C-alpha atoms as a PDB file:
ATOM      1  CA  MET A   1       0.000   0.000   0.000  1.00  0.00           C
ATOM      2  CA  ASP A   2       1.438   3.377  -0.945  1.00  0.00           C
ATOM      3  CA  THR A   3       2.187   6.053   1.655  1.00  0.00           C
ATOM      4  CA  LEU A   4      -0.594   8.426   0.556  1.00  0.00           C
ATOM      5  CA  LYS A   5      -3.246   5.721   0.806  1.00  0.00           C
ATOM      6  CA  GLN A   6      -1.969   4.637   4.219  1.00  0.00           C
ATOM      7  CA  LYS A   7      -2.156   8.218   5.415  1.00  0.00           C
ATOM      8  CA  LYS A   8      -5.724   8.628   4.128  1.00  0.00           C
ATOM      9  CA  CYS A   9      -6.895   5.373   5.715  1.00  0.00           C
ATOM     10  CA  GLY A  10      -5.072   5.976   8.968  1.00  0.00           C
ATOM     11  CA  THR A  11      -6.498   9.363   9.917  1.00  0.00           C
ATOM     12  CA  LEU A  12      -9.968  10.402  10.901  1.00  0.00           C
ATOM     13  CA  GLN A  13     -11.203  13.071   8.491  1.00  0.00           C
ATOM     14  CA  ASP A  14     -14.139  15.496   8.451  1.00  0.00           C
ATOM     15  CA  VAL A  15     -16.216  15.647   5.265  1.00  0.00           C
ATOM     16  CA  LEU A  16     -18.846  18.343   4.735  1.00  0.00           C
ATOM     17  CA  GLY A  17     -21.471  17.934   2.028  1.00  0.00           C
ATOM     18  CA  VAL A  18     -24.955  16.833   1.042  1.00  0.00           C
ATOM     19  CA  LEU A  19     -26.091  13.198   1.155  1.00  0.00           C
ATOM     20  CA  VAL A  20     -27.366  11.884  -2.189  1.00  0.00           C
ATOM     21  CA  PRO A  21     -28.440   8.474  -3.545  1.00  0.00           C
ATOM     22  CA  TYR A  22     -25.522   6.758  -5.292  1.00  0.00           C
ATOM     23  CA  GLU A  23     -26.972   3.434  -6.465  1.00  0.00           C
ATOM     24  CA  ARG A  24     -30.528   2.063  -6.793  1.00  0.00           C
ATOM     25  CA  ASP A  25     -32.020  -1.343  -7.588  1.00  0.00           C
ATOM     26  CA  ASP A  26     -34.655  -2.147 -10.259  1.00  0.00           C
ATOM     27  CA  GLN A  27     -37.449  -0.936  -7.948  1.00  0.00           C
ATOM     28  CA  PHE A  28     -35.552   2.327  -7.276  1.00  0.00           C
ATOM     29  CA  ASN A  29     -34.752   1.372  -3.681  1.00  0.00           C
ATOM     30  CA  ILE A  30     -31.573   3.063  -2.528  1.00  0.00           C
ATOM     31  CA  LEU A  31     -28.666   0.632  -2.204  1.00  0.00           C
ATOM     32  CA  LYS A  32     -25.792   3.078  -1.710  1.00  0.00           C
ATOM     33  CA  VAL A  33     -25.475   6.680  -0.549  1.00  0.00           C
ATOM     34  CA  SER A  34     -22.680   9.160  -1.150  1.00  0.00           C
ATOM     35  CA  ILE A  35     -21.796  12.585   0.148  1.00  0.00           C
ATOM     36  CA  ALA A  36     -21.440  15.284  -2.505  1.00  0.00           C
ATOM     37  CA  CYS A  37     -18.777  17.790  -1.476  1.00  0.00           C
ATOM     38  CA  ALA A  38     -17.309  21.011  -2.819  1.00  0.00           C
ATOM     39  CA  GLY A  39     -15.376  20.745  -6.061  1.00  0.00           C
ATOM     40  CA  GLU A  40     -17.608  17.950  -7.414  1.00  0.00           C
ATOM     41  CA  ARG A  41     -16.010  15.464  -5.015  1.00  0.00           C
ATOM     42  CA  GLU A  42     -18.245  12.479  -4.273  1.00  0.00           C
ATOM     43  CA  ILE A  43     -17.458   9.944  -1.543  1.00  0.00           C
ATOM     44  CA  VAL A  44     -19.433   6.690  -1.235  1.00  0.00           C
ATOM     45  CA  ILE A  45     -20.458   5.585   2.257  1.00  0.00           C
ATOM     46  CA  GLU A  46     -19.155   2.049   2.728  1.00  0.00           C
ATOM     47  CA  ASN A  47     -20.896   1.205   6.023  1.00  0.00           C
ATOM     48  CA  LEU A  48     -24.445   2.447   5.323  1.00  0.00           C
ATOM     49  CA  SER A  49     -25.963  -0.563   7.127  1.00  0.00           C
ATOM     50  CA  GLN A  50     -24.409   0.681  10.381  1.00  0.00           C
ATOM     51  CA  HIS A  51     -25.818   4.192   9.820  1.00  0.00           C
ATOM     52  CA  ALA A  52     -29.291   3.552   8.358  1.00  0.00           C
ATOM     53  CA  ASN A  53     -30.404   6.932   9.751  1.00  0.00           C
ATOM     54  CA  LEU A  54     -28.449   8.534   6.896  1.00  0.00           C
ATOM     55  CA  LEU A  55     -31.355   7.649   4.588  1.00  0.00           C
ATOM     56  CA  GLU A  56     -33.502  10.090   6.587  1.00  0.00           C
ATOM     57  CA  LEU A  57     -30.941  12.829   5.897  1.00  0.00           C
ATOM     58  CA  LEU A  58     -30.852  12.499   2.094  1.00  0.00           C
ATOM     59  CA  ARG A  59     -30.437  15.833   0.328  1.00  0.00           C
ATOM     60  CA  GLU A  60     -29.520  17.470   3.624  1.00  0.00           C
ATOM     61  CA  PRO A  61     -26.156  18.966   4.604  1.00  0.00           C
ATOM     62  CA  VAL A  62     -24.152  16.887   7.075  1.00  0.00           C
ATOM     63  CA  LEU A  63     -20.671  16.598   8.499  1.00  0.00           C
ATOM     64  CA  LEU A  64     -19.296  13.052   8.446  1.00  0.00           C
ATOM     65  CA  LYS A  65     -16.279  11.939  10.439  1.00  0.00           C
ATOM     66  CA  GLY A  66     -14.610   8.805   9.173  1.00  0.00           C
ATOM     67  CA  PHE A  67     -11.756   7.056   7.440  1.00  0.00           C
ATOM     68  CA  ILE A  68     -11.451   7.751   3.699  1.00  0.00           C
ATOM     69  CA  SER A  69      -9.888   5.354   1.218  1.00  0.00           C
ATOM     70  CA  SER A  70      -9.640   5.280  -2.567  1.00  0.00           C
ATOM     71  CA  ASP A  71      -9.174   2.593  -5.196  1.00  0.00           C
ATOM     72  CA  GLY A  72      -7.979   5.174  -7.700  1.00  0.00           C
ATOM     73  CA  THR A  73     -11.406   5.877  -9.216  1.00  0.00           C
ATOM     74  CA  THR A  74     -13.855   5.866  -6.291  1.00  0.00           C
ATOM     75  CA  GLU A  75     -13.424   7.336  -2.835  1.00  0.00           C
ATOM     76  CA  THR A  76     -15.210   5.676   0.087  1.00  0.00           C
ATOM     77  CA  ILE A  77     -15.687   6.655   3.703  1.00  0.00           C
ATOM     78  CA  ASN A  78     -16.089   4.376   6.703  1.00  0.00           C
ATOM     79  CA  VAL A  79     -18.322   6.634   8.790  1.00  0.00           C
ATOM     80  CA  LYS A  80     -17.649   6.861  12.517  1.00  0.00           C
ATOM     81  CA  LYS A  81     -19.817   9.879  13.385  1.00  0.00           C
ATOM     82  CA  VAL A  82     -22.661  11.795  11.719  1.00  0.00           C
ATOM     83  CA  ILE A  83     -23.348  15.436  12.578  1.00  0.00           C
ATOM     84  CA  PRO A  84     -26.477  16.790  10.842  1.00  0.00           C
ATOM     85  CA  PHE A  85     -26.848  20.532  10.424  1.00  0.00           C
ATOM     86  CA  VAL A  86     -29.599  22.203  12.414  1.00  0.00           C
ATOM     87  CA  LYS A  87     -32.647  22.671  10.221  1.00  0.00           C
ATOM     88  CA  SER A  88     -33.063  26.266   9.117  1.00  0.00           C
ATOM     89  CA  ASP A  89     -34.670  28.138   6.255  1.00  0.00           C
ATOM     90  CA  PHE A  90     -31.253  28.464   4.633  1.00  0.00           C
ATOM     91  CA  PHE A  91     -30.368  24.749   4.707  1.00  0.00           C
ATOM     92  CA  ASN A  92     -33.809  23.147   4.467  1.00  0.00           C
ATOM     93  CA  SER A  93     -33.833  21.864   0.890  1.00  0.00           C
ATOM     94  CA  ARG A  94     -37.427  20.641   1.146  1.00  0.00           C
ATOM     95  CA  ASN A  95     -38.921  24.138   1.452  1.00  0.00           C
ATOM     96  CA  THR A  96     -39.850  25.856  -1.772  1.00  0.00           C
ATOM     97  CA  ILE A  97     -40.454  29.540  -2.308  1.00  0.00           C
END
């Protein structure tokens, strides 16, 4: 394993973004979720089954703390902590004007 990958996997990182569906089945059930970050960076959540509450936070801004790894094409995060933003008029994506 190269040094950069070891460093990424070995340190707890904060990732700020919006949770979005990443993969669906034939019935459009969500199988995977990712966090869309600044700069068009997208990180797939690898342990969604341990954090099923993330499905309730889809399209909402969150801060994830976890270990990030990459296979060269896809980044994944092993989430250790989820910090949702407080609902407000500014961040509530479900309100329409």
